[in-house]
Structures are given as C-alpha cells and as structure tokens.
PDB file of N, CA and C in Angstrom:
ATOM      1  N   MET A   1      -1.873  49.807 -53.348  1.00  0.00           N
ATOM      2  CA  MET A   1      -0.829  49.451 -52.395  1.00  0.00           C
ATOM      3  C   MET A   1      -0.228  48.093 -52.764  1.00  0.00           C
ATOM      4  N   LYS A   2       1.088  48.019 -52.809  1.00  0.00           N
ATOM      5  CA  LYS A   2       1.777  46.773 -53.136  1.00  0.00           C
ATOM      6  C   LYS A   2       2.023  45.961 -51.871  1.00  0.00           C
ATOM      7  N   SER A   3       2.186  44.643 -52.076  1.00  0.00           N
ATOM      8  CA  SER A   3       2.546  43.811 -50.934  1.00  0.00           C
ATOM      9  C   SER A   3       4.008  44.079 -50.581  1.00  0.00           C
ATOM     10  N   GLU A   4       4.349  43.832 -49.328  1.00  0.00           N
ATOM     11  CA  GLU A   4       5.692  44.105 -48.827  1.00  0.00           C
ATOM     12  C   GLU A   4       6.331  42.791 -48.383  1.00  0.00           C
ATOM     13  N   ILE A   5       7.558  42.531 -48.812  1.00  0.00           N
ATOM     14  CA  ILE A   5       8.276  41.309 -48.431  1.00  0.00           C
ATOM     15  C   ILE A   5       9.364  41.684 -47.429  1.00  0.00           C
ATOM     16  N   THR A   6       9.365  40.961 -46.293  1.00  0.00           N
ATOM     17  CA  THR A   6      10.357  41.210 -45.250  1.00  0.00           C
ATOM     18  C   THR A   6      11.013  39.899 -44.838  1.00  0.00           C
ATOM     19  N   GLU A   7      12.157  40.015 -44.201  1.00  0.00           N
ATOM     20  CA  GLU A   7      12.864  38.865 -43.657  1.00  0.00           C
ATOM     21  C   GLU A   7      12.893  39.019 -42.144  1.00  0.00           C
ATOM     22  N   GLU A   8      12.480  37.966 -41.435  1.00  0.00           N
ATOM     23  CA  GLU A   8      12.440  38.025 -39.981  1.00  0.00           C
ATOM     24  C   GLU A   8      13.113  36.800 -39.378  1.00  0.00           C
ATOM     25  N   PHE A   9      13.661  36.998 -38.176  1.00  0.00           N
ATOM     26  CA  PHE A   9      14.247  35.907 -37.413  1.00  0.00           C
ATOM     27  C   PHE A   9      13.259  35.521 -36.320  1.00  0.00           C
ATOM     28  N   ILE A  10      12.914  34.239 -36.255  1.00  0.00           N
ATOM     29  CA  ILE A  10      12.003  33.719 -35.247  1.00  0.00           C
ATOM     30  C   ILE A  10      12.813  32.770 -34.361  1.00  0.00           C
ATOM     31  N   SER A  11      12.694  32.934 -33.063  1.00  0.00           N
ATOM     32  CA  SER A  11      13.445  32.111 -32.125  1.00  0.00           C
ATOM     33  C   SER A  11      12.486  31.359 -31.213  1.00  0.00           C
ATOM     34  N   GLY A  12      12.781  30.073 -30.977  1.00  0.00           N
ATOM     35  CA  GLY A  12      11.948  29.278 -30.089  1.00  0.00           C
ATOM     36  C   GLY A  12      12.358  27.820 -30.106  1.00  0.00           C
ATOM     37  N   PHE A  13      11.513  26.983 -29.498  1.00  0.00           N
ATOM     38  CA  PHE A  13      11.829  25.564 -29.358  1.00  0.00           C
ATOM     39  C   PHE A  13      11.355  24.776 -30.572  1.00  0.00           C
ATOM     40  N   CYS A  14      12.235  23.935 -31.118  1.00  0.00           N
ATOM     41  CA  CYS A  14      11.936  23.059 -32.252  1.00  0.00           C
ATOM     42  C   CYS A  14      11.765  21.633 -31.724  1.00  0.00           C
ATOM     43  N   LYS A  15      10.562  21.068 -31.889  1.00  0.00           N
ATOM     44  CA  LYS A  15      10.292  19.702 -31.432  1.00  0.00           C
ATOM     45  C   LYS A  15      11.095  18.673 -32.221  1.00  0.00           C
ATOM     46  N   ALA A  16      11.242  18.891 -33.514  1.00  0.00           N
ATOM     47  CA  ALA A  16      11.947  17.934 -34.368  1.00  0.00           C
ATOM     48  C   ALA A  16      13.418  17.795 -33.970  1.00  0.00           C
ATOM     49  N   GLN A  17      14.045  18.914 -33.620  1.00  0.00           N
ATOM     50  CA  GLN A  17      15.462  18.896 -33.244  1.00  0.00           C
ATOM     51  C   GLN A  17      15.661  18.846 -31.735  1.00  0.00           C
ATOM     52  N   ASN A  18      14.553  18.963 -30.989  1.00  0.00           N
ATOM     53  CA  ASN A  18      14.588  18.934 -29.526  1.00  0.00           C
ATOM     54  C   ASN A  18      15.588  19.953 -28.968  1.00  0.00           C
ATOM     55  N   GLN A  19      15.507  21.158 -29.505  1.00  0.00           N
ATOM     56  CA  GLN A  19      16.400  22.233 -29.067  1.00  0.00           C
ATOM     57  C   GLN A  19      15.839  23.593 -29.478  1.00  0.00           C
ATOM     58  N   THR A  20      16.399  24.630 -28.895  1.00  0.00           N
ATOM     59  CA  THR A  20      16.027  25.990 -29.276  1.00  0.00           C
ATOM     60  C   THR A  20      16.686  26.310 -30.605  1.00  0.00           C
ATOM     61  N   ARG A  21      15.928  26.950 -31.497  1.00  0.00           N
ATOM     62  CA  ARG A  21      16.423  27.295 -32.832  1.00  0.00           C
ATOM     63  C   ARG A  21      16.079  28.723 -33.180  1.00  0.00           C
ATOM     64  N   MET A  22      16.845  29.269 -34.095  1.00  0.00           N
ATOM     65  CA  MET A  22      16.518  30.544 -34.711  1.00  0.00           C
ATOM     66  C   MET A  22      16.292  30.243 -36.196  1.00  0.00           C
ATOM     67  N   VAL A  23      15.140  30.659 -36.704  1.00  0.00           N
ATOM     68  CA  VAL A  23      14.766  30.380 -38.090  1.00  0.00           C
ATOM     69  C   VAL A  23      14.625  31.699 -38.841  1.00  0.00           C
ATOM     70  N   VAL A  24      15.172  31.748 -40.040  1.00  0.00           N
ATOM     71  CA  VAL A  24      15.029  32.918 -40.899  1.00  0.00           C
ATOM     72  C   VAL A  24      13.815  32.683 -41.793  1.00  0.00           C
ATOM     73  N   CYS A  25      12.884  33.631 -41.786  1.00  0.00           N
ATOM     74  CA  CYS A  25      11.658  33.514 -42.570  1.00  0.00           C
ATOM     75  C   CYS A  25      11.525  34.693 -43.525  1.00  0.00           C
ATOM     76  N   GLU A  26      11.035  34.415 -44.701  1.00  0.00           N
ATOM     77  CA  GLU A  26      10.701  35.467 -45.654  1.00  0.00           C
ATOM     78  C   GLU A  26       9.184  35.550 -45.670  1.00  0.00           C
ATOM     79  N   LEU A  27       8.662  36.727 -45.310  1.00  0.00           N
ATOM     80  CA  LEU A  27       7.227  36.927 -45.168  1.00  0.00           C
ATOM     81  C   LEU A  27       6.736  37.989 -46.135  1.00  0.00           C
ATOM     82  N   GLU A  28       5.514  37.806 -46.610  1.00  0.00           N
ATOM     83  CA  GLU A  28       4.893  38.801 -47.475  1.00  0.00           C
ATOM     84  C   GLU A  28       3.653  39.345 -46.765  1.00  0.00           C
ATOM     85  N   LYS A  29       3.639  40.652 -46.556  1.00  0.00           N
ATOM     86  CA  LYS A  29       2.464  41.289 -45.971  1.00  0.00           C
ATOM     87  C   LYS A  29       1.563  41.698 -47.133  1.00  0.00           C
ATOM     88  N   LEU A  30       0.373  41.098 -47.167  1.00  0.00           N
ATOM     89  CA  LEU A  30      -0.553  41.319 -48.265  1.00  0.00           C
ATOM     90  C   LEU A  30      -1.370  42.589 -48.059  1.00  0.00           C
ATOM     91  N   GLU A  31      -2.013  43.034 -49.108  1.00  0.00           N
ATOM     92  CA  GLU A  31      -2.784  44.275 -49.079  1.00  0.00           C
ATOM     93  C   GLU A  31      -3.874  44.270 -48.015  1.00  0.00           C
ATOM     94  N   ASP A  32      -4.438  43.081 -47.718  1.00  0.00           N
ATOM     95  CA  ASP A  32      -5.508  42.995 -46.717  1.00  0.00           C
ATOM     96  C   ASP A  32      -4.972  42.938 -45.284  1.00  0.00           C
ATOM     97  N   GLY A  33      -3.631  43.034 -45.127  1.00  0.00           N
ATOM     98  CA  GLY A  33      -3.015  43.031 -43.802  1.00  0.00           C
ATOM     99  C   GLY A  33      -2.579  41.664 -43.317  1.00  0.00           C
ATOM    100  N   SER A  34      -2.953  40.607 -44.039  1.00  0.00           N
ATOM    101  CA  SER A  34      -2.542  39.259 -43.638  1.00  0.00           C
ATOM    102  C   SER A  34      -1.083  39.017 -44.011  1.00  0.00           C
ATOM    103  N   ILE A  35      -0.496  37.988 -43.412  1.00  0.00           N
ATOM    104  CA  ILE A  35       0.912  37.656 -43.649  1.00  0.00           C
ATOM    105  C   ILE A  35       1.004  36.258 -44.255  1.00  0.00           C
ATOM    106  N   LYS A  36       1.809  36.131 -45.299  1.00  0.00           N
ATOM    107  CA  LYS A  36       2.013  34.862 -45.986  1.00  0.00           C
ATOM    108  C   LYS A  36       3.477  34.462 -45.842  1.00  0.00           C
ATOM    109  N   LEU A  37       3.722  33.221 -45.400  1.00  0.00           N
ATOM    110  CA  LEU A  37       5.087  32.702 -45.299  1.00  0.00           C
ATOM    111  C   LEU A  37       5.549  32.281 -46.686  1.00  0.00           C
ATOM    112  N   LEU A  38       6.607  32.896 -47.184  1.00  0.00           N
ATOM    113  CA  LEU A  38       7.151  32.560 -48.494  1.00  0.00           C
ATOM    114  C   LEU A  38       8.211  31.468 -48.401  1.00  0.00           C
ATOM    115  N   SER A  39       9.076  31.568 -47.374  1.00  0.00           N
ATOM    116  CA  SER A  39      10.120  30.560 -47.195  1.00  0.00           C
ATOM    117  C   SER A  39      10.675  30.624 -45.776  1.00  0.00           C
ATOM    118  N   SER A  40      11.305  29.534 -45.372  1.00  0.00           N
ATOM    119  CA  SER A  40      11.983  29.476 -44.072  1.00  0.00           C
ATOM    120  C   SER A  40      13.164  28.526 -44.206  1.00  0.00           C
ATOM    121  N   ASP A  41      14.139  28.674 -43.315  1.00  0.00           N
ATOM    122  CA  ASP A  41      15.314  27.808 -43.397  1.00  0.00           C
ATOM    123  C   ASP A  41      15.180  26.584 -42.486  1.00  0.00           C
ATOM    124  N   CYS A  42      13.953  26.128 -42.284  1.00  0.00           N
ATOM    125  CA  CYS A  42      13.710  24.869 -41.574  1.00  0.00           C
ATOM    126  C   CYS A  42      12.782  24.025 -42.435  1.00  0.00           C
ATOM    127  N   ALA A  43      12.391  22.885 -41.958  1.00  0.00           N
ATOM    128  CA  ALA A  43      11.567  21.960 -42.739  1.00  0.00           C
ATOM    129  C   ALA A  43      10.077  22.187 -42.527  1.00  0.00           C
ATOM    130  N   TYR A  44       9.688  23.412 -42.152  1.00  0.00           N
ATOM    131  CA  TYR A  44       8.279  23.712 -41.906  1.00  0.00           C
ATOM    132  C   TYR A  44       7.450  23.368 -43.143  1.00  0.00           C
ATOM    133  N   GLY A  45       6.364  22.661 -42.932  1.00  0.00           N
ATOM    134  CA  GLY A  45       5.522  22.203 -44.036  1.00  0.00           C
ATOM    135  C   GLY A  45       5.786  20.748 -44.353  1.00  0.00           C
ATOM    136  N   LYS A  46       7.034  20.324 -44.246  1.00  0.00           N
ATOM    137  CA  LYS A  46       7.421  18.936 -44.471  1.00  0.00           C
ATOM    138  C   LYS A  46       7.614  18.198 -43.146  1.00  0.00           C
ATOM    139  N   CYS A  47       7.867  18.951 -42.097  1.00  0.00           N
ATOM    140  CA  CYS A  47       8.129  18.388 -40.771  1.00  0.00           C
ATOM    141  C   CYS A  47       6.852  17.783 -40.189  1.00  0.00           C
ATOM    142  N   GLU A  48       6.986  16.681 -39.468  1.00  0.00           N
ATOM    143  CA  GLU A  48       5.836  16.029 -38.846  1.00  0.00           C
ATOM    144  C   GLU A  48       5.183  16.881 -37.766  1.00  0.00           C
ATOM    145  N   HIS A  49       5.868  17.909 -37.289  1.00  0.00           N
ATOM    146  CA  HIS A  49       5.340  18.782 -36.239  1.00  0.00           C
ATOM    147  C   HIS A  49       4.780  20.101 -36.779  1.00  0.00           C
ATOM    148  N   SER A  50       4.690  20.255 -38.084  1.00  0.00           N
ATOM    149  CA  SER A  50       4.256  21.518 -38.680  1.00  0.00           C
ATOM    150  C   SER A  50       2.894  21.992 -38.176  1.00  0.00           C
ATOM    151  N   LYS A  51       1.949  21.092 -37.998  1.00  0.00           N
ATOM    152  CA  LYS A  51       0.599  21.495 -37.597  1.00  0.00           C
ATOM    153  C   LYS A  51       0.562  22.105 -36.200  1.00  0.00           C
ATOM    154  N   ASP A  52       1.453  21.662 -35.313  1.00  0.00           N
ATOM    155  CA  ASP A  52       1.460  22.191 -33.946  1.00  0.00           C
ATOM    156  C   ASP A  52       2.819  22.777 -33.559  1.00  0.00           C
ATOM    157  N   CYS A  53       3.514  23.342 -34.543  1.00  0.00           N
ATOM    158  CA  CYS A  53       4.841  23.911 -34.321  1.00  0.00           C
ATOM    159  C   CYS A  53       4.746  25.203 -33.505  1.00  0.00           C
ATOM    160  N   LEU A  54       5.327  25.191 -32.324  1.00  0.00           N
ATOM    161  CA  LEU A  54       5.322  26.363 -31.457  1.00  0.00           C
ATOM    162  C   LEU A  54       6.214  27.466 -32.018  1.00  0.00           C
ATOM    163  N   LEU A  55       7.297  27.072 -32.639  1.00  0.00           N
ATOM    164  CA  LEU A  55       8.254  28.033 -33.189  1.00  0.00           C
ATOM    165  C   LEU A  55       7.630  28.824 -34.340  1.00  0.00           C
ATOM    166  N   MET A  56       7.167  28.158 -35.360  1.00  0.00           N
ATOM    167  CA  MET A  56       6.611  28.825 -36.529  1.00  0.00           C
ATOM    168  C   MET A  56       5.214  29.385 -36.256  1.00  0.00           C
ATOM    169  N   GLY A  57       4.564  28.910 -35.215  1.00  0.00           N
ATOM    170  CA  GLY A  57       3.262  29.423 -34.831  1.00  0.00           C
ATOM    171  C   GLY A  57       3.317  30.893 -34.432  1.00  0.00           C
ATOM    172  N   GLN A  58       4.492  31.387 -34.136  1.00  0.00           N
ATOM    173  CA  GLN A  58       4.667  32.789 -33.760  1.00  0.00           C
ATOM    174  C   GLN A  58       4.357  33.758 -34.902  1.00  0.00           C
ATOM    175  N   ILE A  59       4.457  33.298 -36.143  1.00  0.00           N
ATOM    176  CA  ILE A  59       4.249  34.205 -37.271  1.00  0.00           C
ATOM    177  C   ILE A  59       2.831  34.147 -37.832  1.00  0.00           C
ATOM    178  N   LYS A  60       2.005  33.266 -37.341  1.00  0.00           N
ATOM    179  CA  LYS A  60       0.640  33.143 -37.876  1.00  0.00           C
ATOM    180  C   LYS A  60      -0.246  34.226 -37.352  1.00  0.00           C
TER     181      LYS A  60
END
C-alpha cells in the first residue's frame, strides 16, 4: 500500500495573527495510518505558538 497525499483546509483561531484563519495543508497518510504534515501556508513550525497552536492542532 502506498502513502496518500491530500490537501485540506483547516479553519480556526490563529494566536500569532489574533484572528480566525483558513490554512491550506498538504498531508501524507502513511501506511501505518498516521498523518504527516508536509506543508502549510502559515508559519507553523517557525511560529512562537507552534507548540500550542489550536488551529494546526486539529490535524494531529
């Protein structure tokens, strides 16, 4: 079974911008059923709020 790559829109509150945002994410569903974030159109990972991000926490 091959991994599957999908694009999803995640909507929620962004602490860094202090507003509701919609983020486009590219996700890879791995053979073991887990999901890996490949890319997003926000600063997730570099943002100071990444560890407790409510918006991106939806995809974990």
